């Protein structure tokens, strides 16, 4: 008689909805180092996203100018 192997529980766990709760720890004074690291990380991520958006816009702009100049030549 062969025994049936059960599937890996990790596979099933990944499909289920997960709920997380976060509880704060009450402290007298905030941890300035942790706050500053979080703030700097956020600022760097925002600056990087802005630079990427500007680079993408700059890459698209010559294409738009080229197509608009081609239509002006054809019409003129």
PDB file of N, CA and C in Angstrom:
ATOM      1  N   UNK A   1       0.835  -1.155   0.000  1.00  0.00           N
ATOM      2  CA  UNK A   1       0.000   0.000   0.000  1.00  0.00           C
ATOM      3  C   UNK A   1       0.900   1.245   0.000  1.00  0.00           C
ATOM      4  N   UNK A   2       0.656   2.161  -0.925  1.00  0.00           N
ATOM      5  CA  UNK A   2       1.477   3.363  -1.013  1.00  0.00           C
ATOM      6  C   UNK A   2       0.839   4.492  -0.223  1.00  0.00           C
ATOM      7  N   UNK A   3       1.679   5.254   0.406  1.00  0.00           N
ATOM      8  CA  UNK A   3       1.154   6.385   1.176  1.00  0.00           C
ATOM      9  C   UNK A   3       1.112   7.624   0.287  1.00  0.00           C
ATOM     10  N   UNK A   4       0.099   8.426   0.465  1.00  0.00           N
ATOM     11  CA  UNK A   4      -0.027   9.658  -0.317  1.00  0.00           C
ATOM     12  C   UNK A   4       0.744  10.762   0.383  1.00  0.00           C
ATOM     13  N   UNK A   5       1.553  11.451  -0.388  1.00  0.00           N
ATOM     14  CA  UNK A   5       2.312  12.567   0.177  1.00  0.00           C
ATOM     15  C   UNK A   5       1.470  13.823   0.071  1.00  0.00           C
ATOM     16  N   UNK A   6       1.462  14.546   1.120  1.00  0.00           N
ATOM     17  CA  UNK A   6       0.718  15.799   1.103  1.00  0.00           C
ATOM     18  C   UNK A   6       1.578  16.874   0.460  1.00  0.00           C
ATOM     19  N   UNK A   7       0.914  17.817  -0.196  1.00  0.00           N
ATOM     20  CA  UNK A   7       1.627  18.913  -0.840  1.00  0.00           C
ATOM     21  C   UNK A   7       2.313  19.804   0.169  1.00  0.00           C
ATOM     22  N   UNK A   8       3.195  20.592  -0.332  1.00  0.00           N
ATOM     23  CA  UNK A   8       3.941  21.504   0.509  1.00  0.00           C
ATOM     24  C   UNK A   8       3.018  22.614   1.016  1.00  0.00           C
ATOM     25  N   UNK A   9       3.018  22.862   2.304  1.00  0.00           N
ATOM     26  CA  UNK A   9       2.149  23.886   2.879  1.00  0.00           C
ATOM     27  C   UNK A   9       2.514  25.288   2.416  1.00  0.00           C
ATOM     28  N   UNK A  10       3.747  25.489   2.024  1.00  0.00           N
ATOM     29  CA  UNK A  10       4.184  26.812   1.576  1.00  0.00           C
ATOM     30  C   UNK A  10       3.437  27.234   0.327  1.00  0.00           C
ATOM     31  N   UNK A  11       3.154  26.305  -0.563  1.00  0.00           N
ATOM     32  CA  UNK A  11       2.427  26.634  -1.782  1.00  0.00           C
ATOM     33  C   UNK A  11       1.030  27.126  -1.450  1.00  0.00           C
ATOM     34  N   UNK A  12       0.372  26.460  -0.549  1.00  0.00           N
ATOM     35  CA  UNK A  12      -0.983  26.828  -0.183  1.00  0.00           C
ATOM     36  C   UNK A  12      -0.989  28.157   0.567  1.00  0.00           C
ATOM     37  N   UNK A  13      -0.003  28.381   1.399  1.00  0.00           N
ATOM     38  CA  UNK A  13       0.079  29.610   2.173  1.00  0.00           C
ATOM     39  C   UNK A  13       0.203  30.838   1.284  1.00  0.00           C
ATOM     40  N   UNK A  14       0.893  30.721   0.163  1.00  0.00           N
ATOM     41  CA  UNK A  14       1.101  31.852  -0.722  1.00  0.00           C
ATOM     42  C   UNK A  14      -0.182  32.324  -1.379  1.00  0.00           C
ATOM     43  N   UNK A  15      -1.139  31.453  -1.549  1.00  0.00           N
ATOM     44  CA  UNK A  15      -2.392  31.802  -2.208  1.00  0.00           C
ATOM     45  C   UNK A  15      -3.402  32.405  -1.242  1.00  0.00           C
ATOM     46  N   UNK A  16      -3.252  32.134   0.034  1.00  0.00           N
ATOM     47  CA  UNK A  16      -4.198  32.634   1.016  1.00  0.00           C
ATOM     48  C   UNK A  16      -3.983  34.127   1.251  1.00  0.00           C
ATOM     49  N   UNK A  17      -5.048  34.783   1.652  1.00  0.00           N
ATOM     50  CA  UNK A  17      -4.933  36.191   1.983  1.00  0.00           C
ATOM     51  C   UNK A  17      -4.223  36.325   3.321  1.00  0.00           C
ATOM     52  N   UNK A  18      -3.297  37.246   3.378  1.00  0.00           N
ATOM     53  CA  UNK A  18      -2.539  37.460   4.607  1.00  0.00           C
ATOM     54  C   UNK A  18      -2.900  38.811   5.189  1.00  0.00           C
ATOM     55  N   UNK A  19      -2.985  38.867   6.474  1.00  0.00           N
ATOM     56  CA  UNK A  19      -3.263  40.124   7.154  1.00  0.00           C
ATOM     57  C   UNK A  19      -2.153  40.379   8.166  1.00  0.00           C
ATOM     58  N   UNK A  20      -1.631  41.588   8.122  1.00  0.00           N
ATOM     59  CA  UNK A  20      -0.557  41.961   9.026  1.00  0.00           C
ATOM     60  C   UNK A  20      -1.050  43.050   9.966  1.00  0.00           C
ATOM     61  N   UNK A  21      -0.603  42.998  11.166  1.00  0.00           N
ATOM     62  CA  UNK A  21      -0.873  44.074  12.110  1.00  0.00           C
ATOM     63  C   UNK A  21       0.445  44.616  12.615  1.00  0.00           C
ATOM     64  N   UNK A  22       0.465  45.908  12.833  1.00  0.00           N
ATOM     65  CA  UNK A  22       1.672  46.566  13.323  1.00  0.00           C
ATOM     66  C   UNK A  22       1.309  47.281  14.616  1.00  0.00           C
ATOM     67  N   UNK A  23       2.084  47.052  15.617  1.00  0.00           N
ATOM     68  CA  UNK A  23       1.862  47.696  16.899  1.00  0.00           C
ATOM     69  C   UNK A  23       3.087  48.527  17.246  1.00  0.00           C
ATOM     70  N   UNK A  24       2.832  49.744  17.631  1.00  0.00           N
ATOM     71  CA  UNK A  24       3.920  50.632  18.000  1.00  0.00           C
ATOM     72  C   UNK A  24       4.387  50.379  19.411  1.00  0.00           C
ATOM     73  N   UNK A  25       5.633  50.700  19.652  1.00  0.00           N
ATOM     74  CA  UNK A  25       6.206  50.587  20.995  1.00  0.00           C
ATOM     75  C   UNK A  25       6.280  51.991  21.575  1.00  0.00           C
ATOM     76  N   UNK A  26       5.655  52.188  22.697  1.00  0.00           N
ATOM     77  CA  UNK A  26       5.630  53.500  23.337  1.00  0.00           C
ATOM     78  C   UNK A  26       6.992  53.798  23.944  1.00  0.00           C
ATOM     79  N   UNK A  27       7.594  54.903  23.522  1.00  0.00           N
ATOM     80  CA  UNK A  27       8.892  55.313  24.048  1.00  0.00           C
ATOM     81  C   UNK A  27       8.828  56.775  24.443  1.00  0.00           C
ATOM     82  N   UNK A  28       9.701  57.159  25.328  1.00  0.00           N
ATOM     83  CA  UNK A  28       9.721  58.547  25.786  1.00  0.00           C
ATOM     84  C   UNK A  28      10.172  59.492  24.681  1.00  0.00           C
ATOM     85  N   UNK A  29      11.247  59.162  24.015  1.00  0.00           N
ATOM     86  CA  UNK A  29      11.743  60.015  22.936  1.00  0.00           C
ATOM     87  C   UNK A  29      11.891  59.182  21.661  1.00  0.00           C
ATOM     88  N   UNK A  30      11.666  59.797  20.495  1.00  0.00           N
ATOM     89  CA  UNK A  30      11.796  59.042  19.245  1.00  0.00           C
ATOM     90  C   UNK A  30      13.255  58.713  18.946  1.00  0.00           C
ATOM     91  N   UNK A  31      13.453  57.636  18.192  1.00  0.00           N
ATOM     92  CA  UNK A  31      14.798  57.228  17.790  1.00  0.00           C
ATOM     93  C   UNK A  31      15.188  58.081  16.580  1.00  0.00           C
ATOM     94  N   UNK A  32      15.963  59.100  16.808  1.00  0.00           N
ATOM     95  CA  UNK A  32      16.329  60.065  15.773  1.00  0.00           C
ATOM     96  C   UNK A  32      17.120  59.396  14.650  1.00  0.00           C
ATOM     97  N   UNK A  33      17.964  58.453  14.969  1.00  0.00           N
ATOM     98  CA  UNK A  33      18.759  57.779  13.933  1.00  0.00           C
ATOM     99  C   UNK A  33      17.866  57.011  12.963  1.00  0.00           C
ATOM    100  N   UNK A  34      16.904  56.271  13.509  1.00  0.00           N
ATOM    101  CA  UNK A  34      15.999  55.514  12.641  1.00  0.00           C
ATOM    102  C   UNK A  34      15.143  56.452  11.799  1.00  0.00           C
ATOM    103  N   UNK A  35      14.644  57.518  12.413  1.00  0.00           N
ATOM    104  CA  UNK A  35      13.836  58.474  11.669  1.00  0.00           C
ATOM    105  C   UNK A  35      14.639  59.151  10.564  1.00  0.00           C
ATOM    106  N   UNK A  36      15.887  59.512  10.860  1.00  0.00           N
ATOM    107  CA  UNK A  36      16.705  60.177   9.847  1.00  0.00           C
ATOM    108  C   UNK A  36      17.045  59.233   8.704  1.00  0.00           C
ATOM    109  N   UNK A  37      17.311  57.961   9.009  1.00  0.00           N
ATOM    110  CA  UNK A  37      17.581  56.989   7.947  1.00  0.00           C
ATOM    111  C   UNK A  37      16.353  56.799   7.062  1.00  0.00           C
ATOM    112  N   UNK A  38      15.181  56.729   7.676  1.00  0.00           N
ATOM    113  CA  UNK A  38      13.953  56.560   6.908  1.00  0.00           C
ATOM    114  C   UNK A  38      13.693  57.783   6.035  1.00  0.00           C
ATOM    115  N   UNK A  39      13.900  58.971   6.589  1.00  0.00           N
ATOM    116  CA  UNK A  39      13.680  60.203   5.834  1.00  0.00           C
ATOM    117  C   UNK A  39      14.657  60.332   4.674  1.00  0.00           C
ATOM    118  N   UNK A  40      15.917  60.029   4.924  1.00  0.00           N
ATOM    119  CA  UNK A  40      16.915  60.095   3.848  1.00  0.00           C
ATOM    120  C   UNK A  40      16.626  59.066   2.753  1.00  0.00           C
ATOM    121  N   UNK A  41      16.235  57.876   3.152  1.00  0.00           N
ATOM    122  CA  UNK A  41      15.894  56.849   2.170  1.00  0.00           C
ATOM    123  C   UNK A  41      14.714  57.262   1.315  1.00  0.00           C
ATOM    124  N   UNK A  42      13.715  57.864   1.942  1.00  0.00           N
ATOM    125  CA  UNK A  42      12.550  58.332   1.203  1.00  0.00           C
ATOM    126  C   UNK A  42      12.920  59.454   0.241  1.00  0.00           C
ATOM    127  N   UNK A  43      13.718  60.396   0.712  1.00  0.00           N
ATOM    128  CA  UNK A  43      14.146  61.509  -0.137  1.00  0.00           C
ATOM    129  C   UNK A  43      14.969  61.020  -1.325  1.00  0.00           C
ATOM    130  N   UNK A  44      15.853  60.057  -1.087  1.00  0.00           N
ATOM    131  CA  UNK A  44      16.667  59.517  -2.180  1.00  0.00           C
ATOM    132  C   UNK A  44      15.802  58.776  -3.197  1.00  0.00           C
ATOM    133  N   UNK A  45      14.827  58.018  -2.727  1.00  0.00           N
ATOM    134  CA  UNK A  45      13.945  57.297  -3.638  1.00  0.00           C
ATOM    135  C   UNK A  45      13.107  58.266  -4.475  1.00  0.00           C
ATOM    136  N   UNK A  46      12.638  59.336  -3.843  1.00  0.00           N
ATOM    137  CA  UNK A  46      11.849  60.334  -4.576  1.00  0.00           C
ATOM    138  C   UNK A  46      12.708  61.047  -5.618  1.00  0.00           C
ATOM    139  N   UNK A  47      13.940  61.398  -5.252  1.00  0.00           N
ATOM    140  CA  UNK A  47      14.839  62.078  -6.186  1.00  0.00           C
ATOM    141  C   UNK A  47      15.179  61.166  -7.363  1.00  0.00           C
ATOM    142  N   UNK A  48      15.412  59.890  -7.083  1.00  0.00           N
ATOM    143  CA  UNK A  48      15.720  58.936  -8.148  1.00  0.00           C
ATOM    144  C   UNK A  48      14.535  58.768  -9.092  1.00  0.00           C
ATOM    145  N   UNK A  49      13.340  58.696  -8.541  1.00  0.00           N
ATOM    146  CA  UNK A  49      12.142  58.559  -9.377  1.00  0.00           C
ATOM    147  C   UNK A  49      11.946  59.797 -10.247  1.00  0.00           C
ATOM    148  N   UNK A  50      12.227  60.975  -9.679  1.00  0.00           N
ATOM    149  CA  UNK A  50      12.091  62.212 -10.441  1.00  0.00           C
ATOM    150  C   UNK A  50      13.111  62.271 -11.581  1.00  0.00           C
ATOM    151  N   UNK A  51      14.348  61.848 -11.303  1.00  0.00           N
ATOM    152  CA  UNK A  51      15.373  61.837 -12.352  1.00  0.00           C
ATOM    153  C   UNK A  51      15.007  60.864 -13.472  1.00  0.00           C
ATOM    154  N   UNK A  52      14.473  59.708 -13.107  1.00  0.00           N
ATOM    155  CA  UNK A  52      14.055  58.737 -14.125  1.00  0.00           C
ATOM    156  C   UNK A  52      12.930  59.303 -14.984  1.00  0.00           C
ATOM    157  N   UNK A  53      11.992  59.999 -14.359  1.00  0.00           N
ATOM    158  CA  UNK A  53      10.885  60.591 -15.105  1.00  0.00           C
ATOM    159  C   UNK A  53      11.395  61.670 -16.059  1.00  0.00           C
ATOM    160  N   UNK A  54      12.350  62.475 -15.595  1.00  0.00           N
ATOM    161  CA  UNK A  54      12.919  63.506 -16.461  1.00  0.00           C
ATOM    162  C   UNK A  54      13.688  62.883 -17.624  1.00  0.00           C
ATOM    163  N   UNK A  55      14.416  61.808 -17.350  1.00  0.00           N
ATOM    164  CA  UNK A  55      15.179  61.144 -18.407  1.00  0.00           C
ATOM    165  C   UNK A  55      14.240  60.533 -19.450  1.00  0.00           C
ATOM    166  N   UNK A  56      13.146  59.933 -18.986  1.00  0.00           N
ATOM    167  CA  UNK A  56      12.185  59.364 -19.926  1.00  0.00           C
ATOM    168  C   UNK A  56      11.521  60.456 -20.759  1.00  0.00           C
ATOM    169  N   UNK A  57      11.200  61.576 -20.126  1.00  0.00           N
ATOM    170  CA  UNK A  57      10.583  62.681 -20.851  1.00  0.00           C
ATOM    171  C   UNK A  57      11.556  63.262 -21.870  1.00  0.00           C
ATOM    172  N   UNK A  58      12.832  63.371 -21.500  1.00  0.00           N
ATOM    173  CA  UNK A  58      13.844  63.894 -22.414  1.00  0.00           C
ATOM    174  C   UNK A  58      14.058  62.933 -23.581  1.00  0.00           C
ATOM    175  N   UNK A  59      13.961  61.647 -23.324  1.00  0.00           N
ATOM    176  CA  UNK A  59      14.131  60.666 -24.396  1.00  0.00           C
ATOM    177  C   UNK A  59      12.954  60.711 -25.366  1.00  0.00           C
ATOM    178  N   UNK A  60      11.769  61.008 -24.860  1.00  0.00           N
ATOM    179  CA  UNK A  60      10.585  61.078 -25.725  1.00  0.00           C
ATOM    180  C   UNK A  60      10.510  62.381 -26.499  1.00  0.00           C
ATOM    181  N   UNK A  61      11.037  63.449 -25.946  1.00  0.00           N
ATOM    182  CA  UNK A  61      10.901  64.766 -26.553  1.00  0.00           C
ATOM    183  C   UNK A  61      11.526  64.858 -27.948  1.00  0.00           C
ATOM    184  N   UNK A  62      12.734  64.352 -28.208  1.00  0.00           N
ATOM    185  CA  UNK A  62      13.275  64.417 -29.567  1.00  0.00           C
ATOM    186  C   UNK A  62      12.399  63.667 -30.576  1.00  0.00           C
ATOM    187  N   UNK A  63      11.767  62.583 -30.143  1.00  0.00           N
ATOM    188  CA  UNK A  63      10.885  61.850 -31.038  1.00  0.00           C
ATOM    189  C   UNK A  63       9.684  62.699 -31.410  1.00  0.00           C
ATOM    190  N   UNK A  64       9.137  63.419 -30.456  1.00  0.00           N
ATOM    191  CA  UNK A  64       7.970  64.268 -30.704  1.00  0.00           C
ATOM    192  C   UNK A  64       8.362  65.415 -31.618  1.00  0.00           C
ATOM    193  N   UNK A  65       9.520  66.030 -31.370  1.00  0.00           N
ATOM    194  CA  UNK A  65       9.983  67.132 -32.216  1.00  0.00           C
ATOM    195  C   UNK A  65      10.256  66.652 -33.630  1.00  0.00           C
ATOM    196  N   UNK A  66      10.810  65.458 -33.784  1.00  0.00           N
ATOM    197  CA  UNK A  66      11.108  64.925 -35.111  1.00  0.00           C
ATOM    198  C   UNK A  66       9.820  64.663 -35.881  1.00  0.00           C
ATOM    199  N   UNK A  67       8.834  64.121 -35.237  1.00  0.00           N
ATOM    200  CA  UNK A  67       7.570  63.845 -35.927  1.00  0.00           C
ATOM    201  C   UNK A  67       6.833  65.131 -36.245  1.00  0.00           C
ATOM    202  N   UNK A  68       6.898  66.133 -35.378  1.00  0.00           N
ATOM    203  CA  UNK A  68       6.208  67.396 -35.660  1.00  0.00           C
ATOM    204  C   UNK A  68       6.919  68.157 -36.776  1.00  0.00           C
ATOM    205  N   UNK A  69       8.245  68.087 -36.863  1.00  0.00           N
ATOM    206  CA  UNK A  69       8.965  68.767 -37.939  1.00  0.00           C
ATOM    207  C   UNK A  69       8.718  68.067 -39.276  1.00  0.00           C
ATOM    208  N   UNK A  70       8.552  66.757 -39.266  1.00  0.00           N
ATOM    209  CA  UNK A  70       8.231  66.039 -40.493  1.00  0.00           C
ATOM    210  C   UNK A  70       6.846  66.404 -41.010  1.00  0.00           C
ATOM    211  N   UNK A  71       5.901  66.610 -40.158  1.00  0.00           N
ATOM    212  CA  UNK A  71       4.553  66.973 -40.597  1.00  0.00           C
ATOM    213  C   UNK A  71       4.539  68.410 -41.113  1.00  0.00           C
ATOM    214  N   UNK A  72       5.358  69.301 -40.532  1.00  0.00           N
ATOM    215  CA  UNK A  72       5.423  70.667 -41.017  1.00  0.00           C
ATOM    216  C   UNK A  72       6.023  70.722 -42.414  1.00  0.00           C
ATOM    217  N   UNK A  73       7.032  69.908 -42.675  1.00  0.00           N
ATOM    218  CA  UNK A  73       7.665  69.889 -43.986  1.00  0.00           C
ATOM    219  C   UNK A  73       6.686  69.361 -45.024  1.00  0.00           C
ATOM    220  N   UNK A  74       5.938  68.338 -44.697  1.00  0.00           N
ATOM    221  CA  UNK A  74       4.989  67.763 -45.628  1.00  0.00           C
ATOM    222  C   UNK A  74       3.863  68.734 -45.949  1.00  0.00           C
ATOM    223  N   UNK A  75       3.439  69.508 -44.960  1.00  0.00           N
ATOM    224  CA  UNK A  75       2.342  70.437 -45.192  1.00  0.00           C
ATOM    225  C   UNK A  75       2.804  71.676 -45.955  1.00  0.00           C
ATOM    226  N   UNK A  76       4.039  72.086 -45.773  1.00  0.00           N
ATOM    227  CA  UNK A  76       4.546  73.321 -46.340  1.00  0.00           C
ATOM    228  C   UNK A  76       4.932  73.183 -47.728  1.00  0.00           C
TER     229      UNK A  76
END
